[in-house]
Amino acid sequence: MNGADGVLEEARDMFRGFHWGRSSSRTVKARPSPRPRSLVKLGQLEAVVYSTRKGHGRNAFAHWEHEFGEEGGRKPTLAMDPSNKRLHIVGGDYKVEDRGIVD
Protein backbone atom coordinates (compact mmCIF):
# COMPACT_ATOMS: atom_id res chain seq x y z
CA MET A 1 0.00 0.00 0.00
CA ASN A 2 1.24 3.48 -0.77
CA GLY A 3 0.01 7.02 -1.20
CA ALA A 4 -3.23 8.07 0.47
CA ASP A 5 -4.28 4.46 1.20
CA GLY A 6 -1.01 3.83 3.04
CA VAL A 7 -1.36 6.99 5.09
CA LEU A 8 -4.93 6.11 6.08
CA GLU A 9 -3.92 2.58 7.09
CA GLU A 10 -1.05 3.98 9.16
CA ALA A 11 -3.53 6.33 10.89
CA ARG A 12 -5.88 3.38 11.61
CA ASP A 13 -2.97 1.39 13.10
CA MET A 14 -1.97 4.34 15.30
CA PHE A 15 -5.56 4.72 16.49
CA ARG A 16 -5.72 1.01 17.44
CA GLY A 17 -2.40 1.26 19.30
CA PHE A 18 -3.28 4.43 21.20
CA HIS A 19 -6.77 3.13 22.06
CA TRP A 20 -5.57 -0.31 23.23
CA GLY A 21 -6.94 -2.40 20.35
CA ARG A 22 -10.15 -0.47 19.81
CA SER A 23 -10.93 0.15 16.12
CA SER A 24 -12.08 3.49 14.84
CA SER A 25 -15.71 3.55 13.74
CA ARG A 26 -14.85 5.92 10.89
CA THR A 27 -11.92 7.54 9.17
CA VAL A 28 -11.86 11.27 8.65
CA LYS A 29 -9.63 13.02 6.17
CA ALA A 30 -8.74 16.29 7.84
CA ARG A 31 -7.70 19.49 6.16
CA PRO A 32 -5.22 21.04 8.56
CA SER A 33 -4.79 24.77 8.89
CA PRO A 34 -2.10 26.31 6.73
CA ARG A 35 1.29 26.68 8.40
CA PRO A 36 1.14 29.84 10.50
CA ARG A 37 3.28 32.79 9.45
CA SER A 38 3.52 33.98 13.04
CA LEU A 39 2.39 32.82 16.46
CA VAL A 40 1.43 34.61 19.65
CA LYS A 41 2.94 32.92 22.71
CA LEU A 42 0.22 32.32 25.28
CA GLY A 43 2.40 30.58 27.85
CA GLN A 44 3.99 27.35 28.98
CA LEU A 45 1.77 24.30 28.57
CA GLU A 46 1.70 22.49 31.91
CA ALA A 47 -0.72 19.66 31.11
CA VAL A 48 -3.26 18.36 28.64
CA VAL A 49 -6.54 16.67 29.60
CA TYR A 50 -8.71 14.73 27.17
CA SER A 51 -11.56 12.21 27.21
CA THR A 52 -11.58 9.05 25.11
CA ARG A 53 -12.34 5.36 25.04
CA LYS A 54 -9.35 3.06 25.42
CA GLY A 55 -9.75 -0.70 25.26
CA HIS A 56 -13.07 -2.45 25.66
CA GLY A 57 -15.59 -2.91 28.41
CA ARG A 58 -17.83 -0.82 30.60
CA ASN A 59 -15.03 1.38 31.95
CA ALA A 60 -13.38 2.08 28.60
CA PHE A 61 -14.33 5.78 28.61
CA ALA A 62 -12.14 7.92 30.85
CA HIS A 63 -10.49 11.31 31.29
CA TRP A 64 -6.74 11.26 30.76
CA GLU A 65 -4.36 13.91 32.04
CA HIS A 66 -0.73 14.25 31.10
CA GLU A 67 1.58 16.71 32.86
CA PHE A 68 4.49 17.89 30.73
CA GLY A 69 8.07 17.89 32.00
CA GLU A 70 7.54 15.05 34.50
CA GLU A 71 10.87 13.43 33.64
CA GLY A 72 12.80 16.71 33.53
CA GLY A 73 12.01 17.38 29.89
CA ARG A 74 11.23 20.78 28.42
CA LYS A 75 7.58 21.80 28.59
CA PRO A 76 5.95 22.88 25.32
CA THR A 77 4.61 26.34 24.61
CA LEU A 78 0.94 27.01 23.89
CA ALA A 79 0.63 29.51 21.05
CA MET A 80 -2.10 31.02 18.86
CA ASP A 81 -2.14 31.82 15.16
CA PRO A 82 -3.38 35.46 15.05
CA SER A 83 -4.85 35.02 11.55
CA ASN A 84 -7.33 32.25 12.44
CA LYS A 85 -7.18 32.11 16.29
CA ARG A 86 -6.21 28.39 16.28
CA LEU A 87 -4.04 26.90 18.99
CA HIS A 88 -0.66 25.26 18.40
CA ILE A 89 1.61 23.23 20.69
CA VAL A 90 5.21 24.23 20.00
CA GLY A 91 8.37 22.46 21.15
CA GLY A 92 8.77 20.42 24.30
CA ASP A 93 10.30 17.02 25.00
CA TYR A 94 7.35 14.67 24.53
CA LYS A 95 6.11 12.13 22.02
CA VAL A 96 2.98 10.06 21.50
CA GLU A 97 3.30 6.28 21.78
CA ASP A 98 0.79 3.42 22.09
CA ARG A 99 0.86 3.86 25.88
CA GLY A 100 0.04 7.56 25.54
CA ILE A 101 1.90 10.86 25.77
CA VAL A 102 5.37 10.41 27.23
CA ASP A 103 8.18 12.81 28.17
PDB file of N, CA and C in Angstrom:
ATOM      1  N   MET A   1       0.832  -1.173   0.000  1.00  0.00           N
ATOM      2  CA  MET A   1       0.000   0.000   0.000  1.00  0.00           C
ATOM      3  C   MET A   1       0.883   1.245   0.000  1.00  0.00           C
ATOM      4  N   ASN A   2       0.490   2.238  -0.766  1.00  0.00           N
ATOM      5  CA  ASN A   2       1.242   3.480  -0.770  1.00  0.00           C
ATOM      6  C   ASN A   2       0.291   4.644  -0.970  1.00  0.00           C
ATOM      7  N   GLY A   3       0.833   5.839  -0.982  1.00  0.00           N
ATOM      8  CA  GLY A   3       0.013   7.018  -1.201  1.00  0.00           C
ATOM      9  C   GLY A   3      -1.001   7.237  -0.098  1.00  0.00           C
ATOM     10  N   ALA A   4      -2.178   7.738  -0.498  1.00  0.00           N
ATOM     11  CA  ALA A   4      -3.235   8.065   0.466  1.00  0.00           C
ATOM     12  C   ALA A   4      -3.723   6.836   1.220  1.00  0.00           C
ATOM     13  N   ASP A   5      -3.830   5.686   0.532  1.00  0.00           N
ATOM     14  CA  ASP A   5      -4.280   4.463   1.202  1.00  0.00           C
ATOM     15  C   ASP A   5      -3.308   4.052   2.306  1.00  0.00           C
ATOM     16  N   GLY A   6      -2.021   4.174   2.045  1.00  0.00           N
ATOM     17  CA  GLY A   6      -1.012   3.832   3.044  1.00  0.00           C
ATOM     18  C   GLY A   6      -1.056   4.751   4.248  1.00  0.00           C
ATOM     19  N   VAL A   7      -1.277   6.022   4.000  1.00  0.00           N
ATOM     20  CA  VAL A   7      -1.364   6.991   5.091  1.00  0.00           C
ATOM     21  C   VAL A   7      -2.591   6.718   5.950  1.00  0.00           C
ATOM     22  N   LEU A   8      -3.715   6.408   5.317  1.00  0.00           N
ATOM     23  CA  LEU A   8      -4.932   6.107   6.076  1.00  0.00           C
ATOM     24  C   LEU A   8      -4.771   4.837   6.906  1.00  0.00           C
ATOM     25  N   GLU A   9      -4.135   3.816   6.333  1.00  0.00           N
ATOM     26  CA  GLU A   9      -3.920   2.578   7.086  1.00  0.00           C
ATOM     27  C   GLU A   9      -2.978   2.822   8.261  1.00  0.00           C
ATOM     28  N   GLU A  10      -1.961   3.637   8.056  1.00  0.00           N
ATOM     29  CA  GLU A  10      -1.051   3.985   9.159  1.00  0.00           C
ATOM     30  C   GLU A  10      -1.817   4.711  10.273  1.00  0.00           C
ATOM     31  N   ALA A  11      -2.718   5.614   9.896  1.00  0.00           N
ATOM     32  CA  ALA A  11      -3.533   6.331  10.886  1.00  0.00           C
ATOM     33  C   ALA A  11      -4.437   5.363  11.646  1.00  0.00           C
ATOM     34  N   ARG A  12      -5.026   4.387  10.946  1.00  0.00           N
ATOM     35  CA  ARG A  12      -5.878   3.385  11.610  1.00  0.00           C
ATOM     36  C   ARG A  12      -5.056   2.554  12.603  1.00  0.00           C
ATOM     37  N   ASP A  13      -3.845   2.160  12.205  1.00  0.00           N
ATOM     38  CA  ASP A  13      -2.970   1.395  13.097  1.00  0.00           C
ATOM     39  C   ASP A  13      -2.610   2.198  14.340  1.00  0.00           C
ATOM     40  N   MET A  14      -2.310   3.479  14.151  1.00  0.00           N
ATOM     41  CA  MET A  14      -1.973   4.339  15.298  1.00  0.00           C
ATOM     42  C   MET A  14      -3.168   4.474  16.236  1.00  0.00           C
ATOM     43  N   PHE A  15      -4.356   4.616  15.669  1.00  0.00           N
ATOM     44  CA  PHE A  15      -5.562   4.716  16.490  1.00  0.00           C
ATOM     45  C   PHE A  15      -5.719   3.455  17.337  1.00  0.00           C
ATOM     46  N   ARG A  16      -5.595   2.284  16.702  1.00  0.00           N
ATOM     47  CA  ARG A  16      -5.718   1.012  17.443  1.00  0.00           C
ATOM     48  C   ARG A  16      -4.680   0.916  18.556  1.00  0.00           C
ATOM     49  N   GLY A  17      -3.455   1.320  18.277  1.00  0.00           N
ATOM     50  CA  GLY A  17      -2.405   1.260  19.296  1.00  0.00           C
ATOM     51  C   GLY A  17      -2.684   2.189  20.449  1.00  0.00           C
ATOM     52  N   PHE A  18      -3.047   3.433  20.157  1.00  0.00           N
ATOM     53  CA  PHE A  18      -3.283   4.431  21.202  1.00  0.00           C
ATOM     54  C   PHE A  18      -4.543   4.130  22.001  1.00  0.00           C
ATOM     55  N   HIS A  19      -5.506   3.448  21.387  1.00  0.00           N
ATOM     56  CA  HIS A  19      -6.774   3.134  22.056  1.00  0.00           C
ATOM     57  C   HIS A  19      -6.855   1.666  22.479  1.00  0.00           C
ATOM     58  N   TRP A  20      -5.689   1.028  22.650  1.00  0.00           N
ATOM     59  CA  TRP A  20      -5.565  -0.308  23.230  1.00  0.00           C
ATOM     60  C   TRP A  20      -6.391  -1.353  22.480  1.00  0.00           C
ATOM     61  N   GLY A  21      -6.280  -1.378  21.162  1.00  0.00           N
ATOM     62  CA  GLY A  21      -6.937  -2.398  20.354  1.00  0.00           C
ATOM     63  C   GLY A  21      -8.297  -2.021  19.826  1.00  0.00           C
ATOM     64  N   ARG A  22      -8.835  -0.922  20.272  1.00  0.00           N
ATOM     65  CA  ARG A  22     -10.153  -0.471  19.806  1.00  0.00           C
ATOM     66  C   ARG A  22     -10.019   0.044  18.373  1.00  0.00           C
ATOM     67  N   SER A  23     -10.944  -0.324  17.499  1.00  0.00           N
ATOM     68  CA  SER A  23     -10.934   0.150  16.116  1.00  0.00           C
ATOM     69  C   SER A  23     -11.753   1.427  16.000  1.00  0.00           C
ATOM     70  N   SER A  24     -11.339   2.261  15.099  1.00  0.00           N
ATOM     71  CA  SER A  24     -12.077   3.492  14.836  1.00  0.00           C
ATOM     72  C   SER A  24     -13.352   3.155  14.079  1.00  0.00           C
ATOM     73  N   SER A  25     -14.449   3.803  14.422  1.00  0.00           N
ATOM     74  CA  SER A  25     -15.710   3.548  13.740  1.00  0.00           C
ATOM     75  C   SER A  25     -15.769   4.246  12.379  1.00  0.00           C
ATOM     76  N   ARG A  26     -14.898   5.239  12.185  1.00  0.00           N
ATOM     77  CA  ARG A  26     -14.848   5.921  10.893  1.00  0.00           C
ATOM     78  C   ARG A  26     -13.483   6.573  10.723  1.00  0.00           C
ATOM     79  N   THR A  27     -13.160   6.865   9.492  1.00  0.00           N
ATOM     80  CA  THR A  27     -11.918   7.541   9.171  1.00  0.00           C
ATOM     81  C   THR A  27     -12.260   8.904   8.597  1.00  0.00           C
ATOM     82  N   VAL A  28     -11.597   9.915   9.090  1.00  0.00           N
ATOM     83  CA  VAL A  28     -11.862  11.275   8.647  1.00  0.00           C
ATOM     84  C   VAL A  28     -10.596  11.831   8.011  1.00  0.00           C
ATOM     85  N   LYS A  29     -10.739  12.322   6.802  1.00  0.00           N
ATOM     86  CA  LYS A  29      -9.628  13.024   6.167  1.00  0.00           C
ATOM     87  C   LYS A  29      -9.719  14.483   6.600  1.00  0.00           C
ATOM     88  N   ALA A  30      -8.717  14.929   7.319  1.00  0.00           N
ATOM     89  CA  ALA A  30      -8.743  16.294   7.841  1.00  0.00           C
ATOM     90  C   ALA A  30      -7.982  17.235   6.918  1.00  0.00           C
ATOM     91  N   ARG A  31      -8.418  18.446   6.882  1.00  0.00           N
ATOM     92  CA  ARG A  31      -7.705  19.488   6.162  1.00  0.00           C
ATOM     93  C   ARG A  31      -7.101  20.414   7.211  1.00  0.00           C
ATOM     94  N   PRO A  32      -5.819  20.223   7.509  1.00  0.00           N
ATOM     95  CA  PRO A  32      -5.218  21.036   8.560  1.00  0.00           C
ATOM     96  C   PRO A  32      -5.117  22.500   8.151  1.00  0.00           C
ATOM     97  N   SER A  33      -4.989  23.345   9.142  1.00  0.00           N
ATOM     98  CA  SER A  33      -4.794  24.769   8.891  1.00  0.00           C
ATOM     99  C   SER A  33      -3.477  24.971   8.155  1.00  0.00           C
ATOM    100  N   PRO A  34      -3.386  26.025   7.364  1.00  0.00           N
ATOM    101  CA  PRO A  34      -2.100  26.311   6.735  1.00  0.00           C
ATOM    102  C   PRO A  34      -1.046  26.623   7.804  1.00  0.00           C
ATOM    103  N   ARG A  35       0.196  26.397   7.463  1.00  0.00           N
ATOM    104  CA  ARG A  35       1.286  26.678   8.396  1.00  0.00           C
ATOM    105  C   ARG A  35       1.238  28.148   8.781  1.00  0.00           C
ATOM    106  N   PRO A  36       1.243  28.434  10.084  1.00  0.00           N
ATOM    107  CA  PRO A  36       1.142  29.838  10.502  1.00  0.00           C
ATOM    108  C   PRO A  36       2.382  30.633  10.116  1.00  0.00           C
ATOM    109  N   ARG A  37       2.165  31.900   9.771  1.00  0.00           N
ATOM    110  CA  ARG A  37       3.283  32.793   9.449  1.00  0.00           C
ATOM    111  C   ARG A  37       3.880  33.380  10.719  1.00  0.00           C
ATOM    112  N   SER A  38       3.045  33.489  11.742  1.00  0.00           N
ATOM    113  CA  SER A  38       3.523  33.975  13.037  1.00  0.00           C
ATOM    114  C   SER A  38       2.625  33.386  14.119  1.00  0.00           C
ATOM    115  N   LEU A  39       3.140  33.339  15.326  1.00  0.00           N
ATOM    116  CA  LEU A  39       2.387  32.818  16.462  1.00  0.00           C
ATOM    117  C   LEU A  39       2.495  33.783  17.634  1.00  0.00           C
ATOM    118  N   VAL A  40       1.438  33.830  18.413  1.00  0.00           N
ATOM    119  CA  VAL A  40       1.428  34.605  19.650  1.00  0.00           C
ATOM    120  C   VAL A  40       1.628  33.620  20.794  1.00  0.00           C
ATOM    121  N   LYS A  41       2.684  33.804  21.571  1.00  0.00           N
ATOM    122  CA  LYS A  41       2.944  32.922  22.707  1.00  0.00           C
ATOM    123  C   LYS A  41       1.930  33.214  23.803  1.00  0.00           C
ATOM    124  N   LEU A  42       1.191  32.171  24.208  1.00  0.00           N
ATOM    125  CA  LEU A  42       0.216  32.319  25.282  1.00  0.00           C
ATOM    126  C   LEU A  42       0.816  31.930  26.624  1.00  0.00           C
ATOM    127  N   GLY A  43       1.765  30.987  26.611  1.00  0.00           N
ATOM    128  CA  GLY A  43       2.403  30.575  27.853  1.00  0.00           C
ATOM    129  C   GLY A  43       2.898  29.149  27.777  1.00  0.00           C
ATOM    130  N   GLN A  44       3.469  28.709  28.878  1.00  0.00           N
ATOM    131  CA  GLN A  44       3.994  27.351  28.980  1.00  0.00           C
ATOM    132  C   GLN A  44       2.838  26.383  29.194  1.00  0.00           C
ATOM    133  N   LEU A  45       2.826  25.297  28.445  1.00  0.00           N
ATOM    134  CA  LEU A  45       1.773  24.300  28.571  1.00  0.00           C
ATOM    135  C   LEU A  45       2.158  23.324  29.675  1.00  0.00           C
ATOM    136  N   GLU A  46       1.396  23.315  30.740  1.00  0.00           N
ATOM    137  CA  GLU A  46       1.699  22.491  31.906  1.00  0.00           C
ATOM    138  C   GLU A  46       1.134  21.080  31.790  1.00  0.00           C
ATOM    139  N   ALA A  47      -0.057  20.958  31.185  1.00  0.00           N
ATOM    140  CA  ALA A  47      -0.717  19.656  31.106  1.00  0.00           C
ATOM    141  C   ALA A  47      -1.753  19.689  29.990  1.00  0.00           C
ATOM    142  N   VAL A  48      -2.161  18.507  29.583  1.00  0.00           N
ATOM    143  CA  VAL A  48      -3.261  18.362  28.639  1.00  0.00           C
ATOM    144  C   VAL A  48      -4.215  17.330  29.231  1.00  0.00           C
ATOM    145  N   VAL A  49      -5.515  17.580  29.108  1.00  0.00           N
ATOM    146  CA  VAL A  49      -6.544  16.667  29.599  1.00  0.00           C
ATOM    147  C   VAL A  49      -7.492  16.376  28.438  1.00  0.00           C
ATOM    148  N   TYR A  50      -7.796  15.098  28.238  1.00  0.00           N
ATOM    149  CA  TYR A  50      -8.715  14.729  27.171  1.00  0.00           C
ATOM    150  C   TYR A  50      -9.555  13.537  27.611  1.00  0.00           C
ATOM    151  N   SER A  51     -10.670  13.331  26.934  1.00  0.00           N
ATOM    152  CA  SER A  51     -11.562  12.208  27.214  1.00  0.00           C
ATOM    153  C   SER A  51     -11.601  11.312  25.993  1.00  0.00           C
ATOM    154  N   THR A  52     -11.524  10.001  26.214  1.00  0.00           N
ATOM    155  CA  THR A  52     -11.577   9.052  25.106  1.00  0.00           C
ATOM    156  C   THR A  52     -11.880   7.658  25.625  1.00  0.00           C
ATOM    157  N   ARG A  53     -12.154   6.768  24.712  1.00  0.00           N
ATOM    158  CA  ARG A  53     -12.336   5.358  25.044  1.00  0.00           C
ATOM    159  C   ARG A  53     -11.055   4.616  24.684  1.00  0.00           C
ATOM    160  N   LYS A  54     -10.528   3.894  25.650  1.00  0.00           N
ATOM    161  CA  LYS A  54      -9.350   3.056  25.423  1.00  0.00           C
ATOM    162  C   LYS A  54      -9.696   1.649  25.844  1.00  0.00           C
ATOM    163  N   GLY A  55      -9.418   0.688  24.962  1.00  0.00           N
ATOM    164  CA  GLY A  55      -9.747  -0.699  25.264  1.00  0.00           C
ATOM    165  C   GLY A  55     -11.234  -0.962  25.117  1.00  0.00           C
ATOM    166  N   HIS A  56     -11.678  -2.014  25.779  1.00  0.00           N
ATOM    167  CA  HIS A  56     -13.066  -2.448  25.660  1.00  0.00           C
ATOM    168  C   HIS A  56     -13.663  -2.588  27.064  1.00  0.00           C
ATOM    169  N   GLY A  57     -14.942  -2.695  27.127  1.00  0.00           N
ATOM    170  CA  GLY A  57     -15.588  -2.906  28.411  1.00  0.00           C
ATOM    171  C   GLY A  57     -16.339  -1.683  28.899  1.00  0.00           C
ATOM    172  N   ARG A  58     -16.964  -1.862  30.042  1.00  0.00           N
ATOM    173  CA  ARG A  58     -17.828  -0.818  30.604  1.00  0.00           C
ATOM    174  C   ARG A  58     -17.054   0.413  31.036  1.00  0.00           C
ATOM    175  N   ASN A  59     -15.816   0.248  31.451  1.00  0.00           N
ATOM    176  CA  ASN A  59     -15.029   1.376  31.949  1.00  0.00           C
ATOM    177  C   ASN A  59     -14.033   1.885  30.920  1.00  0.00           C
ATOM    178  N   ALA A  60     -14.314   1.688  29.647  1.00  0.00           N
ATOM    179  CA  ALA A  60     -13.380   2.078  28.598  1.00  0.00           C
ATOM    180  C   ALA A  60     -13.279   3.591  28.441  1.00  0.00           C
ATOM    181  N   PHE A  61     -14.343   4.326  28.758  1.00  0.00           N
ATOM    182  CA  PHE A  61     -14.327   5.782  28.613  1.00  0.00           C
ATOM    183  C   PHE A  61     -13.733   6.399  29.869  1.00  0.00           C
ATOM    184  N   ALA A  62     -12.769   7.285  29.693  1.00  0.00           N
ATOM    185  CA  ALA A  62     -12.138   7.916  30.851  1.00  0.00           C
ATOM    186  C   ALA A  62     -11.534   9.257  30.452  1.00  0.00           C
ATOM    187  N   HIS A  63     -11.228  10.059  31.462  1.00  0.00           N
ATOM    188  CA  HIS A  63     -10.494  11.315  31.289  1.00  0.00           C
ATOM    189  C   HIS A  63      -9.026  11.004  31.529  1.00  0.00           C
ATOM    190  N   TRP A  64      -8.169  11.491  30.658  1.00  0.00           N
ATOM    191  CA  TRP A  64      -6.741  11.258  30.764  1.00  0.00           C
ATOM    192  C   TRP A  64      -6.043  12.596  30.903  1.00  0.00           C
ATOM    193  N   GLU A  65      -5.127  12.683  31.846  1.00  0.00           N
ATOM    194  CA  GLU A  65      -4.359  13.912  32.042  1.00  0.00           C
ATOM    195  C   GLU A  65      -2.881  13.586  31.950  1.00  0.00           C
ATOM    196  N   HIS A  66      -2.171  14.416  31.206  1.00  0.00           N
ATOM    197  CA  HIS A  66      -0.727  14.253  31.103  1.00  0.00           C
ATOM    198  C   HIS A  66      -0.066  15.574  31.477  1.00  0.00           C
ATOM    199  N   GLU A  67       0.792  15.536  32.475  1.00  0.00           N
ATOM    200  CA  GLU A  67       1.576  16.711  32.855  1.00  0.00           C
ATOM    201  C   GLU A  67       2.886  16.681  32.077  1.00  0.00           C
ATOM    202  N   PHE A  68       3.253  17.803  31.498  1.00  0.00           N
ATOM    203  CA  PHE A  68       4.489  17.885  30.732  1.00  0.00           C
ATOM    204  C   PHE A  68       5.675  18.136  31.661  1.00  0.00           C
ATOM    205  N   GLY A  69       6.850  17.666  31.243  1.00  0.00           N
ATOM    206  CA  GLY A  69       8.072  17.893  31.996  1.00  0.00           C
ATOM    207  C   GLY A  69       8.244  17.008  33.209  1.00  0.00           C
ATOM    208  N   GLU A  70       7.468  15.926  33.317  1.00  0.00           N
ATOM    209  CA  GLU A  70       7.538  15.047  34.498  1.00  0.00           C
ATOM    210  C   GLU A  70       8.909  14.406  34.663  1.00  0.00           C
ATOM    211  N   GLU A  71       9.560  14.099  33.574  1.00  0.00           N
ATOM    212  CA  GLU A  71      10.866  13.430  33.637  1.00  0.00           C
ATOM    213  C   GLU A  71      11.992  14.427  33.394  1.00  0.00           C
ATOM    214  N   GLY A  72      11.762  15.697  33.707  1.00  0.00           N
ATOM    215  CA  GLY A  72      12.797  16.709  33.532  1.00  0.00           C
ATOM    216  C   GLY A  72      12.902  17.266  32.132  1.00  0.00           C
ATOM    217  N   GLY A  73      11.979  16.876  31.260  1.00  0.00           N
ATOM    218  CA  GLY A  73      12.006  17.376  29.885  1.00  0.00           C
ATOM    219  C   GLY A  73      11.466  18.799  29.789  1.00  0.00           C
ATOM    220  N   ARG A  74      11.731  19.422  28.658  1.00  0.00           N
ATOM    221  CA  ARG A  74      11.229  20.780  28.418  1.00  0.00           C
ATOM    222  C   ARG A  74       9.719  20.748  28.200  1.00  0.00           C
ATOM    223  N   LYS A  75       9.032  21.684  28.786  1.00  0.00           N
ATOM    224  CA  LYS A  75       7.581  21.801  28.590  1.00  0.00           C
ATOM    225  C   LYS A  75       7.326  22.548  27.282  1.00  0.00           C
ATOM    226  N   PRO A  76       6.269  22.171  26.561  1.00  0.00           N
ATOM    227  CA  PRO A  76       5.953  22.878  25.317  1.00  0.00           C
ATOM    228  C   PRO A  76       5.320  24.239  25.601  1.00  0.00           C
ATOM    229  N   THR A  77       5.250  25.038  24.561  1.00  0.00           N
ATOM    230  CA  THR A  77       4.609  26.345  24.606  1.00  0.00           C
ATOM    231  C   THR A  77       3.248  26.252  23.934  1.00  0.00           C
ATOM    232  N   LEU A  78       2.242  26.891  24.525  1.00  0.00           N
ATOM    233  CA  LEU A  78       0.937  27.014  23.890  1.00  0.00           C
ATOM    234  C   LEU A  78       0.926  28.353  23.164  1.00  0.00           C
ATOM    235  N   ALA A  79       0.612  28.303  21.867  1.00  0.00           N
ATOM    236  CA  ALA A  79       0.626  29.515  21.053  1.00  0.00           C
ATOM    237  C   ALA A  79      -0.633  29.580  20.200  1.00  0.00           C
ATOM    238  N   MET A  80      -0.903  30.782  19.671  1.00  0.00           N
ATOM    239  CA  MET A  80      -2.096  31.016  18.861  1.00  0.00           C
ATOM    240  C   MET A  80      -1.697  31.662  17.541  1.00  0.00           C
ATOM    241  N   ASP A  81      -2.313  31.200  16.474  1.00  0.00           N
ATOM    242  CA  ASP A  81      -2.143  31.822  15.164  1.00  0.00           C
ATOM    243  C   ASP A  81      -3.064  33.041  15.121  1.00  0.00           C
ATOM    244  N   PRO A  82      -2.518  34.268  15.014  1.00  0.00           N
ATOM    245  CA  PRO A  82      -3.377  35.458  15.047  1.00  0.00           C
ATOM    246  C   PRO A  82      -4.307  35.576  13.843  1.00  0.00           C
ATOM    247  N   SER A  83      -4.004  34.882  12.739  1.00  0.00           N
ATOM    248  CA  SER A  83      -4.852  35.019  11.552  1.00  0.00           C
ATOM    249  C   SER A  83      -6.142  34.212  11.647  1.00  0.00           C
ATOM    250  N   ASN A  84      -6.112  33.062  12.358  1.00  0.00           N
ATOM    251  CA  ASN A  84      -7.334  32.251  12.444  1.00  0.00           C
ATOM    252  C   ASN A  84      -7.696  31.858  13.877  1.00  0.00           C
ATOM    253  N   LYS A  85      -6.922  32.320  14.849  1.00  0.00           N
ATOM    254  CA  LYS A  85      -7.177  32.108  16.287  1.00  0.00           C
ATOM    255  C   LYS A  85      -7.089  30.636  16.697  1.00  0.00           C
ATOM    256  N   ARG A  86      -6.382  29.808  15.938  1.00  0.00           N
ATOM    257  CA  ARG A  86      -6.214  28.390  16.283  1.00  0.00           C
ATOM    258  C   ARG A  86      -5.008  28.199  17.179  1.00  0.00           C
ATOM    259  N   LEU A  87      -5.113  27.193  18.052  1.00  0.00           N
ATOM    260  CA  LEU A  87      -4.041  26.897  18.991  1.00  0.00           C
ATOM    261  C   LEU A  87      -3.001  25.968  18.365  1.00  0.00           C
ATOM    262  N   HIS A  88      -1.763  26.116  18.835  1.00  0.00           N
ATOM    263  CA  HIS A  88      -0.663  25.258  18.401  1.00  0.00           C
ATOM    264  C   HIS A  88       0.182  24.908  19.616  1.00  0.00           C
ATOM    265  N   ILE A  89       0.659  23.662  19.658  1.00  0.00           N
ATOM    266  CA  ILE A  89       1.606  23.234  20.685  1.00  0.00           C
ATOM    267  C   ILE A  89       2.976  23.250  20.027  1.00  0.00           C
ATOM    268  N   VAL A  90       3.903  24.008  20.613  1.00  0.00           N
ATOM    269  CA  VAL A  90       5.206  24.227  20.002  1.00  0.00           C
ATOM    270  C   VAL A  90       6.310  23.734  20.930  1.00  0.00           C
ATOM    271  N   GLY A  91       7.199  22.899  20.393  1.00  0.00           N
ATOM    272  CA  GLY A  91       8.374  22.456  21.147  1.00  0.00           C
ATOM    273  C   GLY A  91       8.033  21.468  22.237  1.00  0.00           C
ATOM    274  N   GLY A  92       8.950  21.346  23.187  1.00  0.00           N
ATOM    275  CA  GLY A  92       8.766  20.419  24.295  1.00  0.00           C
ATOM    276  C   GLY A  92       9.409  19.075  24.023  1.00  0.00           C
ATOM    277  N   ASP A  93       9.683  18.345  25.083  1.00  0.00           N
ATOM    278  CA  ASP A  93      10.299  17.022  24.999  1.00  0.00           C
ATOM    279  C   ASP A  93       9.254  15.952  25.283  1.00  0.00           C
ATOM    280  N   TYR A  94       8.371  15.702  24.358  1.00  0.00           N
ATOM    281  CA  TYR A  94       7.353  14.667  24.531  1.00  0.00           C
ATOM    282  C   TYR A  94       7.127  13.988  23.193  1.00  0.00           C
ATOM    283  N   LYS A  95       6.515  12.834  23.228  1.00  0.00           N
ATOM    284  CA  LYS A  95       6.108  12.131  22.018  1.00  0.00           C
ATOM    285  C   LYS A  95       4.866  11.322  22.353  1.00  0.00           C
ATOM    286  N   VAL A  96       4.187  10.859  21.326  1.00  0.00           N
ATOM    287  CA  VAL A  96       2.984  10.064  21.501  1.00  0.00           C
ATOM    288  C   VAL A  96       3.295   8.618  21.114  1.00  0.00           C
ATOM    289  N   GLU A  97       3.077   7.693  22.024  1.00  0.00           N
ATOM    290  CA  GLU A  97       3.300   6.277  21.781  1.00  0.00           C
ATOM    291  C   GLU A  97       1.994   5.533  22.062  1.00  0.00           C
ATOM    292  N   ASP A  98       1.986   4.221  21.825  1.00  0.00           N
ATOM    293  CA  ASP A  98       0.793   3.418  22.093  1.00  0.00           C
ATOM    294  C   ASP A  98       0.322   3.576  23.531  1.00  0.00           C
ATOM    295  N   ARG A  99       1.252   3.729  24.467  1.00  0.00           N
ATOM    296  CA  ARG A  99       0.864   3.856  25.885  1.00  0.00           C
ATOM    297  C   ARG A  99       0.394   5.264  26.230  1.00  0.00           C
ATOM    298  N   GLY A 100       0.513   6.203  25.298  1.00  0.00           N
ATOM    299  CA  GLY A 100       0.038   7.558  25.542  1.00  0.00           C
ATOM    300  C   GLY A 100       1.110   8.593  25.297  1.00  0.00           C
ATOM    301  N   ILE A 101       0.933   9.764  25.897  1.00  0.00           N
ATOM    302  CA  ILE A 101       1.895  10.856  25.765  1.00  0.00           C
ATOM    303  C   ILE A 101       2.997  10.633  26.791  1.00  0.00           C
ATOM    304  N   VAL A 102       4.241  10.655  26.333  1.00  0.00           N
ATOM    305  CA  VAL A 102       5.371  10.414  27.233  1.00  0.00           C
ATOM    306  C   VAL A 102       6.413  11.508  27.064  1.00  0.00           C
ATOM    307  N   ASP A 103       7.077  11.840  28.176  1.00  0.00           N
ATOM    308  CA  ASP A 103       8.182  12.805  28.166  1.00  0.00           C
ATOM    309  C   ASP A 103       9.475  12.087  27.900  1.00  0.00           C
TER     310      ASP A 103
END
